């Protein structure tokens, strides 16, 4: 419990000190979401089902693509599966959903 509190305080202090970089990262994530949504607009219809499918695929694909980068690097170095793949997917997904909810889009 004490280790988790120290880690939380340390990570919070790190984010506060690098707030501009964190904002740029979240903005980049939002731009990627918009780009993927725009690309998927060509594949799906403009109806309610098309909008739902486009939103789901855009929301799910970006965290998997981001988590794929360290996974491939780890695989090239160790020749085994990256043990924290889904944790990275969930963390990126939570940041992405939080940013989308806050921005209203």
PDB file of N, CA and C in Angstrom:
ATOM      1  N   UNK A   1       0.829  -1.182   0.000  1.00  0.00           N
ATOM      2  CA  UNK A   1       0.000   0.000   0.000  1.00  0.00           C
ATOM      3  C   UNK A   1       0.875   1.248   0.000  1.00  0.00           C
ATOM      4  N   UNK A   2       1.931   1.229   0.785  1.00  0.00           N
ATOM      5  CA  UNK A   2       2.828   2.378   0.851  1.00  0.00           C
ATOM      6  C   UNK A   2       3.551   2.584  -0.482  1.00  0.00           C
ATOM      7  N   UNK A   3       3.950   1.483  -1.131  1.00  0.00           N
ATOM      8  CA  UNK A   3       4.610   1.581  -2.433  1.00  0.00           C
ATOM      9  C   UNK A   3       3.677   2.207  -3.465  1.00  0.00           C
ATOM     10  N   UNK A   4       2.406   1.826  -3.421  1.00  0.00           N
ATOM     11  CA  UNK A   4       1.447   2.374  -4.375  1.00  0.00           C
ATOM     12  C   UNK A   4       1.221   3.864  -4.136  1.00  0.00           C
ATOM     13  N   UNK A   5       1.171   4.273  -2.894  1.00  0.00           N
ATOM     14  CA  UNK A   5       1.000   5.692  -2.580  1.00  0.00           C
ATOM     15  C   UNK A   5       2.213   6.500  -3.045  1.00  0.00           C
ATOM     16  N   UNK A   6       3.406   5.962  -2.822  1.00  0.00           N
ATOM     17  CA  UNK A   6       4.617   6.641  -3.260  1.00  0.00           C
ATOM     18  C   UNK A   6       4.653   6.715  -4.780  1.00  0.00           C
ATOM     19  N   UNK A   7       4.271   5.628  -5.445  1.00  0.00           N
ATOM     20  CA  UNK A   7       4.234   5.626  -6.907  1.00  0.00           C
ATOM     21  C   UNK A   7       3.213   6.632  -7.430  1.00  0.00           C
ATOM     22  N   UNK A   8       2.049   6.709  -6.806  1.00  0.00           N
ATOM     23  CA  UNK A   8       1.013   7.661  -7.214  1.00  0.00           C
ATOM     24  C   UNK A   8       1.488   9.098  -7.047  1.00  0.00           C
ATOM     25  N   UNK A   9       2.126   9.381  -5.930  1.00  0.00           N
ATOM     26  CA  UNK A   9       2.649  10.733  -5.690  1.00  0.00           C
ATOM     27  C   UNK A   9       3.764  11.051  -6.689  1.00  0.00           C
ATOM     28  N   UNK A  10       4.641  10.096  -6.918  1.00  0.00           N
ATOM     29  CA  UNK A  10       5.737  10.317  -7.869  1.00  0.00           C
ATOM     30  C   UNK A  10       5.248  10.528  -9.293  1.00  0.00           C
ATOM     31  N   UNK A  11       4.302   9.697  -9.725  1.00  0.00           N
ATOM     32  CA  UNK A  11       3.757   9.858 -11.068  1.00  0.00           C
ATOM     33  C   UNK A  11       2.976  11.164 -11.211  1.00  0.00           C
ATOM     34  N   UNK A  12       2.239  11.546 -10.173  1.00  0.00           N
ATOM     35  CA  UNK A  12       1.500  12.814 -10.203  1.00  0.00           C
ATOM     36  C   UNK A  12       2.461  13.996 -10.302  1.00  0.00           C
ATOM     37  N   UNK A  13       3.539  13.950  -9.532  1.00  0.00           N
ATOM     38  CA  UNK A  13       4.534  15.026  -9.604  1.00  0.00           C
ATOM     39  C   UNK A  13       5.178  15.060 -10.983  1.00  0.00           C
ATOM     40  N   UNK A  14       5.431  13.894 -11.562  1.00  0.00           N
ATOM     41  CA  UNK A  14       6.002  13.840 -12.909  1.00  0.00           C
ATOM     42  C   UNK A  14       5.079  14.435 -13.958  1.00  0.00           C
ATOM     43  N   UNK A  15       3.793  14.154 -13.845  1.00  0.00           N
ATOM     44  CA  UNK A  15       2.823  14.716 -14.796  1.00  0.00           C
ATOM     45  C   UNK A  15       2.718  16.221 -14.624  1.00  0.00           C
ATOM     46  N   UNK A  16       2.700  16.691 -13.377  1.00  0.00           N
ATOM     47  CA  UNK A  16       2.608  18.136 -13.140  1.00  0.00           C
ATOM     48  C   UNK A  16       3.830  18.843 -13.727  1.00  0.00           C
ATOM     49  N   UNK A  17       5.009  18.251 -13.566  1.00  0.00           N
ATOM     50  CA  UNK A  17       6.221  18.874 -14.085  1.00  0.00           C
ATOM     51  C   UNK A  17       6.302  18.818 -15.612  1.00  0.00           C
ATOM     52  N   UNK A  18       5.656  17.845 -16.216  1.00  0.00           N
ATOM     53  CA  UNK A  18       5.697  17.717 -17.673  1.00  0.00           C
ATOM     54  C   UNK A  18       4.300  17.869 -18.276  1.00  0.00           C
ATOM     55  N   UNK A  19       3.518  18.805 -17.746  1.00  0.00           N
ATOM     56  CA  UNK A  19       2.129  18.976 -18.165  1.00  0.00           C
ATOM     57  C   UNK A  19       2.012  19.324 -19.654  1.00  0.00           C
ATOM     58  N   UNK A  20       2.902  20.152 -20.183  1.00  0.00           N
ATOM     59  CA  UNK A  20       2.792  20.533 -21.591  1.00  0.00           C
ATOM     60  C   UNK A  20       3.002  19.322 -22.501  1.00  0.00           C
ATOM     61  N   UNK A  21       3.926  18.435 -22.127  1.00  0.00           N
ATOM     62  CA  UNK A  21       4.145  17.227 -22.911  1.00  0.00           C
ATOM     63  C   UNK A  21       2.952  16.275 -22.812  1.00  0.00           C
ATOM     64  N   UNK A  22       2.353  16.190 -21.630  1.00  0.00           N
ATOM     65  CA  UNK A  22       1.175  15.347 -21.461  1.00  0.00           C
ATOM     66  C   UNK A  22       0.010  15.890 -22.287  1.00  0.00           C
ATOM     67  N   UNK A  23      -0.148  17.207 -22.329  1.00  0.00           N
ATOM     68  CA  UNK A  23      -1.206  17.803 -23.144  1.00  0.00           C
ATOM     69  C   UNK A  23      -0.967  17.536 -24.619  1.00  0.00           C
ATOM     70  N   UNK A  24       0.271  17.605 -25.054  1.00  0.00           N
ATOM     71  CA  UNK A  24       0.581  17.302 -26.446  1.00  0.00           C
ATOM     72  C   UNK A  24       0.290  15.840 -26.773  1.00  0.00           C
ATOM     73  N   UNK A  25       0.579  14.948 -25.837  1.00  0.00           N
ATOM     74  CA  UNK A  25       0.295  13.534 -26.043  1.00  0.00           C
ATOM     75  C   UNK A  25      -1.190  13.257 -26.152  1.00  0.00           C
ATOM     76  N   UNK A  26      -1.978  13.880 -25.293  1.00  0.00           N
ATOM     77  CA  UNK A  26      -3.429  13.691 -25.346  1.00  0.00           C
ATOM     78  C   UNK A  26      -3.990  14.305 -26.631  1.00  0.00           C
ATOM     79  N   UNK A  27      -3.458  15.458 -27.038  1.00  0.00           N
ATOM     80  CA  UNK A  27      -3.896  16.071 -28.288  1.00  0.00           C
ATOM     81  C   UNK A  27      -3.553  15.186 -29.481  1.00  0.00           C
ATOM     82  N   UNK A  28      -2.380  14.574 -29.459  1.00  0.00           N
ATOM     83  CA  UNK A  28      -1.990  13.648 -30.518  1.00  0.00           C
ATOM     84  C   UNK A  28      -2.928  12.442 -30.553  1.00  0.00           C
ATOM     85  N   UNK A  29      -3.298  11.952 -29.395  1.00  0.00           N
ATOM     86  CA  UNK A  29      -4.245  10.839 -29.307  1.00  0.00           C
ATOM     87  C   UNK A  29      -5.606  11.230 -29.873  1.00  0.00           C
ATOM     88  N   UNK A  30      -6.060  12.444 -29.574  1.00  0.00           N
ATOM     89  CA  UNK A  30      -7.337  12.928 -30.107  1.00  0.00           C
ATOM     90  C   UNK A  30      -7.270  13.104 -31.630  1.00  0.00           C
ATOM     91  N   UNK A  31      -6.141  13.612 -32.126  1.00  0.00           N
ATOM     92  CA  UNK A  31      -5.976  13.762 -33.569  1.00  0.00           C
ATOM     93  C   UNK A  31      -5.966  12.410 -34.273  1.00  0.00           C
ATOM     94  N   UNK A  32      -5.328  11.418 -33.657  1.00  0.00           N
ATOM     95  CA  UNK A  32      -5.316  10.072 -34.231  1.00  0.00           C
ATOM     96  C   UNK A  32      -6.724   9.497 -34.272  1.00  0.00           C
ATOM     97  N   UNK A  33      -7.499   9.732 -33.215  1.00  0.00           N
ATOM     98  CA  UNK A  33      -8.881   9.254 -33.181  1.00  0.00           C
ATOM     99  C   UNK A  33      -9.697   9.909 -34.298  1.00  0.00           C
ATOM    100  N   UNK A  34      -9.527  11.202 -34.475  1.00  0.00           N
ATOM    101  CA  UNK A  34     -10.246  11.904 -35.546  1.00  0.00           C
ATOM    102  C   UNK A  34      -9.833  11.389 -36.918  1.00  0.00           C
ATOM    103  N   UNK A  35      -8.551  11.133 -37.095  1.00  0.00           N
ATOM    104  CA  UNK A  35      -8.052  10.637 -38.374  1.00  0.00           C
ATOM    105  C   UNK A  35      -8.618   9.255 -38.695  1.00  0.00           C
ATOM    106  N   UNK A  36      -8.596   8.357 -37.711  1.00  0.00           N
ATOM    107  CA  UNK A  36      -9.128   7.009 -37.931  1.00  0.00           C
ATOM    108  C   UNK A  36     -10.632   7.074 -38.184  1.00  0.00           C
ATOM    109  N   UNK A  37     -11.338   7.914 -37.462  1.00  0.00           N
ATOM    110  CA  UNK A  37     -12.772   8.069 -37.684  1.00  0.00           C
ATOM    111  C   UNK A  37     -13.042   8.579 -39.088  1.00  0.00           C
ATOM    112  N   UNK A  38     -12.240   9.520 -39.543  1.00  0.00           N
ATOM    113  CA  UNK A  38     -12.413  10.053 -40.896  1.00  0.00           C
ATOM    114  C   UNK A  38     -12.122   8.983 -41.947  1.00  0.00           C
ATOM    115  N   UNK A  39     -11.084   8.159 -41.728  1.00  0.00           N
ATOM    116  CA  UNK A  39     -10.793   7.077 -42.666  1.00  0.00           C
ATOM    117  C   UNK A  39     -11.917   6.042 -42.707  1.00  0.00           C
ATOM    118  N   UNK A  40     -12.477   5.742 -41.550  1.00  0.00           N
ATOM    119  CA  UNK A  40     -13.548   4.749 -41.490  1.00  0.00           C
ATOM    120  C   UNK A  40     -14.859   5.284 -42.050  1.00  0.00           C
ATOM    121  N   UNK A  41     -14.968   6.598 -42.203  1.00  0.00           N
ATOM    122  CA  UNK A  41     -16.171   7.192 -42.765  1.00  0.00           C
ATOM    123  C   UNK A  41     -16.368   6.743 -44.209  1.00  0.00           C
ATOM    124  N   UNK A  42     -15.280   6.409 -44.881  1.00  0.00           N
ATOM    125  CA  UNK A  42     -15.365   5.942 -46.253  1.00  0.00           C
ATOM    126  C   UNK A  42     -15.872   4.509 -46.345  1.00  0.00           C
ATOM    127  N   UNK A  43     -15.729   3.736 -45.269  1.00  0.00           N
ATOM    128  CA  UNK A  43     -16.136   2.338 -45.284  1.00  0.00           C
ATOM    129  C   UNK A  43     -17.561   2.109 -44.802  1.00  0.00           C
ATOM    130  N   UNK A  44     -18.032   2.943 -43.877  1.00  0.00           N
ATOM    131  CA  UNK A  44     -19.325   2.719 -43.256  1.00  0.00           C
ATOM    132  C   UNK A  44     -20.326   3.782 -43.697  1.00  0.00           C
ATOM    133  N   UNK A  45     -21.580   3.403 -43.652  1.00  0.00           N
ATOM    134  CA  UNK A  45     -22.635   4.315 -44.066  1.00  0.00           C
ATOM    135  C   UNK A  45     -22.826   5.425 -43.032  1.00  0.00           C
ATOM    136  N   UNK A  46     -23.650   6.383 -43.374  1.00  0.00           N
ATOM    137  CA  UNK A  46     -23.902   7.526 -42.493  1.00  0.00           C
ATOM    138  C   UNK A  46     -25.040   7.253 -41.508  1.00  0.00           C
ATOM    139  N   UNK A  47     -25.605   6.078 -41.523  1.00  0.00           N
ATOM    140  CA  UNK A  47     -26.707   5.755 -40.624  1.00  0.00           C
ATOM    141  C   UNK A  47     -26.233   5.529 -39.204  1.00  0.00           C
ATOM    142  N   UNK A  48     -27.189   5.179 -38.348  1.00  0.00           N
ATOM    143  CA  UNK A  48     -26.877   4.977 -36.935  1.00  0.00           C
ATOM    144  C   UNK A  48     -25.953   3.778 -36.736  1.00  0.00           C
ATOM    145  N   UNK A  49     -26.190   2.700 -37.475  1.00  0.00           N
ATOM    146  CA  UNK A  49     -25.331   1.516 -37.350  1.00  0.00           C
ATOM    147  C   UNK A  49     -23.918   1.812 -37.844  1.00  0.00           C
ATOM    148  N   UNK A  50     -23.785   2.571 -38.926  1.00  0.00           N
ATOM    149  CA  UNK A  50     -22.475   2.937 -39.448  1.00  0.00           C
ATOM    150  C   UNK A  50     -21.708   3.822 -38.481  1.00  0.00           C
ATOM    151  N   UNK A  51     -22.403   4.769 -37.861  1.00  0.00           N
ATOM    152  CA  UNK A  51     -21.757   5.641 -36.875  1.00  0.00           C
ATOM    153  C   UNK A  51     -21.295   4.849 -35.665  1.00  0.00           C
ATOM    154  N   UNK A  52     -22.117   3.897 -35.226  1.00  0.00           N
ATOM    155  CA  UNK A  52     -21.751   3.068 -34.076  1.00  0.00           C
ATOM    156  C   UNK A  52     -20.525   2.211 -34.399  1.00  0.00           C
ATOM    157  N   UNK A  53     -20.527   1.569 -35.568  1.00  0.00           N
ATOM    158  CA  UNK A  53     -19.398   0.722 -35.955  1.00  0.00           C
ATOM    159  C   UNK A  53     -18.127   1.551 -36.116  1.00  0.00           C
ATOM    160  N   UNK A  54     -18.241   2.715 -36.717  1.00  0.00           N
ATOM    161  CA  UNK A  54     -17.085   3.586 -36.914  1.00  0.00           C
ATOM    162  C   UNK A  54     -16.517   4.047 -35.565  1.00  0.00           C
ATOM    163  N   UNK A  55     -17.387   4.431 -34.653  1.00  0.00           N
ATOM    164  CA  UNK A  55     -16.938   4.870 -33.335  1.00  0.00           C
ATOM    165  C   UNK A  55     -16.270   3.758 -32.548  1.00  0.00           C
ATOM    166  N   UNK A  56     -16.858   2.564 -32.604  1.00  0.00           N
ATOM    167  CA  UNK A  56     -16.266   1.426 -31.887  1.00  0.00           C
ATOM    168  C   UNK A  56     -14.903   1.055 -32.442  1.00  0.00           C
ATOM    169  N   UNK A  57     -14.800   0.971 -33.752  1.00  0.00           N
ATOM    170  CA  UNK A  57     -13.511   0.594 -34.345  1.00  0.00           C
ATOM    171  C   UNK A  57     -12.435   1.646 -34.085  1.00  0.00           C
ATOM    172  N   UNK A  58     -12.794   2.909 -34.150  1.00  0.00           N
ATOM    173  CA  UNK A  58     -11.813   3.963 -33.878  1.00  0.00           C
ATOM    174  C   UNK A  58     -11.385   3.936 -32.414  1.00  0.00           C
ATOM    175  N   UNK A  59     -12.322   3.676 -31.526  1.00  0.00           N
ATOM    176  CA  UNK A  59     -12.013   3.667 -30.097  1.00  0.00           C
ATOM    177  C   UNK A  59     -11.177   2.458 -29.691  1.00  0.00           C
ATOM    178  N   UNK A  60     -11.344   1.354 -30.381  1.00  0.00           N
ATOM    179  CA  UNK A  60     -10.625   0.132 -30.025  1.00  0.00           C
ATOM    180  C   UNK A  60      -9.285   0.018 -30.753  1.00  0.00           C
ATOM    181  N   UNK A  61      -9.218   0.473 -31.999  1.00  0.00           N
ATOM    182  CA  UNK A  61      -8.017   0.234 -32.800  1.00  0.00           C
ATOM    183  C   UNK A  61      -6.807   1.041 -32.336  1.00  0.00           C
ATOM    184  N   UNK A  62      -7.012   2.276 -31.908  1.00  0.00           N
ATOM    185  CA  UNK A  62      -5.873   3.124 -31.538  1.00  0.00           C
ATOM    186  C   UNK A  62      -5.109   2.571 -30.332  1.00  0.00           C
ATOM    187  N   UNK A  63      -5.764   2.169 -29.236  1.00  0.00           N
ATOM    188  CA  UNK A  63      -4.983   1.587 -28.125  1.00  0.00           C
ATOM    189  C   UNK A  63      -4.229   0.322 -28.519  1.00  0.00           C
ATOM    190  N   UNK A  64      -4.827  -0.515 -29.376  1.00  0.00           N
ATOM    191  CA  UNK A  64      -4.122  -1.720 -29.806  1.00  0.00           C
ATOM    192  C   UNK A  64      -2.908  -1.377 -30.665  1.00  0.00           C
ATOM    193  N   UNK A  65      -3.036  -0.385 -31.531  1.00  0.00           N
ATOM    194  CA  UNK A  65      -1.900   0.017 -32.357  1.00  0.00           C
ATOM    195  C   UNK A  65      -0.784   0.632 -31.518  1.00  0.00           C
ATOM    196  N   UNK A  66      -1.148   1.417 -30.522  1.00  0.00           N
ATOM    197  CA  UNK A  66      -0.135   2.025 -29.655  1.00  0.00           C
ATOM    198  C   UNK A  66       0.568   0.954 -28.818  1.00  0.00           C
ATOM    199  N   UNK A  67      -0.181  -0.014 -28.310  1.00  0.00           N
ATOM    200  CA  UNK A  67       0.423  -1.085 -27.506  1.00  0.00           C
ATOM    201  C   UNK A  67       1.240  -2.045 -28.358  1.00  0.00           C
ATOM    202  N   UNK A  68       0.970  -2.053 -29.654  1.00  0.00           N
ATOM    203  CA  UNK A  68       1.702  -2.949 -30.539  1.00  0.00           C
ATOM    204  C   UNK A  68       3.167  -2.539 -30.695  1.00  0.00           C
ATOM    205  N   UNK A  69       3.458  -1.248 -30.563  1.00  0.00           N
ATOM    206  CA  UNK A  69       4.835  -0.758 -30.744  1.00  0.00           C
ATOM    207  C   UNK A  69       5.784  -1.345 -29.680  1.00  0.00           C
ATOM    208  N   UNK A  70       5.510  -1.189 -28.366  1.00  0.00           N
ATOM    209  CA  UNK A  70       6.439  -1.805 -27.404  1.00  0.00           C
ATOM    210  C   UNK A  70       6.414  -3.325 -27.454  1.00  0.00           C
ATOM    211  N   UNK A  71       5.286  -3.895 -27.868  1.00  0.00           N
ATOM    212  CA  UNK A  71       5.209  -5.349 -27.980  1.00  0.00           C
ATOM    213  C   UNK A  71       6.151  -5.857 -29.061  1.00  0.00           C
ATOM    214  N   UNK A  72       6.170  -5.189 -30.198  1.00  0.00           N
ATOM    215  CA  UNK A  72       7.067  -5.611 -31.279  1.00  0.00           C
ATOM    216  C   UNK A  72       8.534  -5.408 -30.901  1.00  0.00           C
ATOM    217  N   UNK A  73       8.827  -4.317 -30.225  1.00  0.00           N
ATOM    218  CA  UNK A  73      10.201  -4.083 -29.779  1.00  0.00           C
ATOM    219  C   UNK A  73      10.621  -5.163 -28.787  1.00  0.00           C
ATOM    220  N   UNK A  74       9.745  -5.479 -27.842  1.00  0.00           N
ATOM    221  CA  UNK A  74      10.036  -6.523 -26.852  1.00  0.00           C
ATOM    222  C   UNK A  74      10.222  -7.871 -27.536  1.00  0.00           C
ATOM    223  N   UNK A  75       9.372  -8.168 -28.521  1.00  0.00           N
ATOM    224  CA  UNK A  75       9.471  -9.443 -29.218  1.00  0.00           C
ATOM    225  C   UNK A  75      10.776  -9.537 -29.997  1.00  0.00           C
ATOM    226  N   UNK A  76      11.206  -8.427 -30.608  1.00  0.00           N
ATOM    227  CA  UNK A  76      12.467  -8.460 -31.357  1.00  0.00           C
ATOM    228  C   UNK A  76      13.662  -8.676 -30.426  1.00  0.00           C
ATOM    229  N   UNK A  77      13.580  -8.168 -29.206  1.00  0.00           N
ATOM    230  CA  UNK A  77      14.696  -8.314 -28.271  1.00  0.00           C
ATOM    231  C   UNK A  77      14.678  -9.651 -27.533  1.00  0.00           C
ATOM    232  N   UNK A  78      13.498 -10.083 -27.092  1.00  0.00           N
ATOM    233  CA  UNK A  78      13.404 -11.267 -26.226  1.00  0.00           C
ATOM    234  C   UNK A  78      12.839 -12.507 -26.905  1.00  0.00           C
ATOM    235  N   UNK A  79      12.188 -12.343 -28.050  1.00  0.00           N
ATOM    236  CA  UNK A  79      11.536 -13.450 -28.772  1.00  0.00           C
ATOM    237  C   UNK A  79      10.475 -14.148 -27.913  1.00  0.00           C
ATOM    238  N   UNK A  80       9.761 -13.354 -27.142  1.00  0.00           N
ATOM    239  CA  UNK A  80       8.638 -13.874 -26.369  1.00  0.00           C
ATOM    240  C   UNK A  80       7.556 -12.796 -26.298  1.00  0.00           C
ATOM    241  N   UNK A  81       6.363 -13.204 -25.861  1.00  0.00           N
ATOM    242  CA  UNK A  81       5.242 -12.276 -25.815  1.00  0.00           C
ATOM    243  C   UNK A  81       5.437 -11.233 -24.720  1.00  0.00           C
ATOM    244  N   UNK A  82       5.075 -10.002 -25.009  1.00  0.00           N
ATOM    245  CA  UNK A  82       5.160  -8.894 -24.070  1.00  0.00           C
ATOM    246  C   UNK A  82       4.117  -9.083 -22.973  1.00  0.00           C
ATOM    247  N   UNK A  83       4.504  -9.165 -21.706  1.00  0.00           N
ATOM    248  CA  UNK A  83       3.554  -9.523 -20.652  1.00  0.00           C
ATOM    249  C   UNK A  83       2.551  -8.429 -20.284  1.00  0.00           C
ATOM    250  N   UNK A  84       2.778  -7.179 -20.660  1.00  0.00           N
ATOM    251  CA  UNK A  84       1.901  -6.090 -20.241  1.00  0.00           C
ATOM    252  C   UNK A  84       1.123  -5.478 -21.402  1.00  0.00           C
ATOM    253  N   UNK A  85       0.872  -6.266 -22.426  1.00  0.00           N
ATOM    254  CA  UNK A  85       0.186  -5.761 -23.610  1.00  0.00           C
ATOM    255  C   UNK A  85      -1.203  -5.224 -23.263  1.00  0.00           C
ATOM    256  N   UNK A  86      -2.008  -6.021 -22.597  1.00  0.00           N
ATOM    257  CA  UNK A  86      -3.385  -5.591 -22.297  1.00  0.00           C
ATOM    258  C   UNK A  86      -3.429  -4.452 -21.289  1.00  0.00           C
ATOM    259  N   UNK A  87      -2.461  -4.372 -20.389  1.00  0.00           N
ATOM    260  CA  UNK A  87      -2.418  -3.258 -19.447  1.00  0.00           C
ATOM    261  C   UNK A  87      -2.179  -1.937 -20.179  1.00  0.00           C
ATOM    262  N   UNK A  88      -1.297  -1.968 -21.181  1.00  0.00           N
ATOM    263  CA  UNK A  88      -1.065  -0.763 -21.978  1.00  0.00           C
ATOM    264  C   UNK A  88      -2.302  -0.414 -22.778  1.00  0.00           C
ATOM    265  N   UNK A  89      -2.959  -1.421 -23.345  1.00  0.00           N
ATOM    266  CA  UNK A  89      -4.194  -1.173 -24.103  1.00  0.00           C
ATOM    267  C   UNK A  89      -5.230  -0.508 -23.209  1.00  0.00           C
ATOM    268  N   UNK A  90      -5.424  -1.027 -22.011  1.00  0.00           N
ATOM    269  CA  UNK A  90      -6.411  -0.451 -21.097  1.00  0.00           C
ATOM    270  C   UNK A  90      -6.034   0.970 -20.682  1.00  0.00           C
ATOM    271  N   UNK A  91      -4.760   1.214 -20.412  1.00  0.00           N
ATOM    272  CA  UNK A  91      -4.337   2.555 -19.995  1.00  0.00           C
ATOM    273  C   UNK A  91      -4.562   3.566 -21.115  1.00  0.00           C
ATOM    274  N   UNK A  92      -4.174   3.218 -22.336  1.00  0.00           N
ATOM    275  CA  UNK A  92      -4.379   4.136 -23.460  1.00  0.00           C
ATOM    276  C   UNK A  92      -5.865   4.320 -23.719  1.00  0.00           C
ATOM    277  N   UNK A  93      -6.635   3.238 -23.615  1.00  0.00           N
ATOM    278  CA  UNK A  93      -8.082   3.329 -23.836  1.00  0.00           C
ATOM    279  C   UNK A  93      -8.732   4.261 -22.811  1.00  0.00           C
ATOM    280  N   UNK A  94      -8.324   4.143 -21.557  1.00  0.00           N
ATOM    281  CA  UNK A  94      -8.891   5.012 -20.525  1.00  0.00           C
ATOM    282  C   UNK A  94      -8.536   6.476 -20.751  1.00  0.00           C
ATOM    283  N   UNK A  95      -7.309   6.754 -21.145  1.00  0.00           N
ATOM    284  CA  UNK A  95      -6.916   8.134 -21.434  1.00  0.00           C
ATOM    285  C   UNK A  95      -7.694   8.661 -22.635  1.00  0.00           C
ATOM    286  N   UNK A  96      -7.829   7.825 -23.657  1.00  0.00           N
ATOM    287  CA  UNK A  96      -8.554   8.234 -24.858  1.00  0.00           C
ATOM    288  C   UNK A  96     -10.027   8.500 -24.557  1.00  0.00           C
ATOM    289  N   UNK A  97     -10.660   7.614 -23.828  1.00  0.00           N
ATOM    290  CA  UNK A  97     -12.074   7.812 -23.486  1.00  0.00           C
ATOM    291  C   UNK A  97     -12.240   9.038 -22.604  1.00  0.00           C
ATOM    292  N   UNK A  98     -11.353   9.230 -21.654  1.00  0.00           N
ATOM    293  CA  UNK A  98     -11.427  10.420 -20.809  1.00  0.00           C
ATOM    294  C   UNK A  98     -11.305  11.691 -21.615  1.00  0.00           C
ATOM    295  N   UNK A  99     -10.371  11.714 -22.550  1.00  0.00           N
ATOM    296  CA  UNK A  99     -10.198  12.910 -23.382  1.00  0.00           C
ATOM    297  C   UNK A  99     -11.409  13.124 -24.292  1.00  0.00           C
ATOM    298  N   UNK A 100     -11.972  12.046 -24.816  1.00  0.00           N
ATOM    299  CA  UNK A 100     -13.161  12.190 -25.677  1.00  0.00           C
ATOM    300  C   UNK A 100     -14.366  12.667 -24.896  1.00  0.00           C
ATOM    301  N   UNK A 101     -14.545  12.165 -23.686  1.00  0.00           N
ATOM    302  CA  UNK A 101     -15.677  12.592 -22.857  1.00  0.00           C
ATOM    303  C   UNK A 101     -15.533  14.053 -22.468  1.00  0.00           C
ATOM    304  N   UNK A 102     -14.330  14.454 -22.099  1.00  0.00           N
ATOM    305  CA  UNK A 102     -14.115  15.842 -21.698  1.00  0.00           C
ATOM    306  C   UNK A 102     -14.309  16.792 -22.868  1.00  0.00           C
ATOM    307  N   UNK A 103     -13.842  16.380 -24.067  1.00  0.00           N
ATOM    308  CA  UNK A 103     -13.962  17.266 -25.225  1.00  0.00           C
ATOM    309  C   UNK A 103     -15.363  17.252 -25.808  1.00  0.00           C
ATOM    310  N   UNK A 104     -16.173  16.285 -25.395  1.00  0.00           N
ATOM    311  CA  UNK A 104     -17.548  16.213 -25.886  1.00  0.00           C
ATOM    312  C   UNK A 104     -17.686  15.589 -27.251  1.00  0.00           C
ATOM    313  N   UNK A 105     -16.671  14.862 -27.673  1.00  0.00           N
ATOM    314  CA  UNK A 105     -16.750  14.327 -29.028  1.00  0.00           C
ATOM    315  C   UNK A 105     -16.663  12.867 -29.105  1.00  0.00           C
TER     316      UNK A 105
END
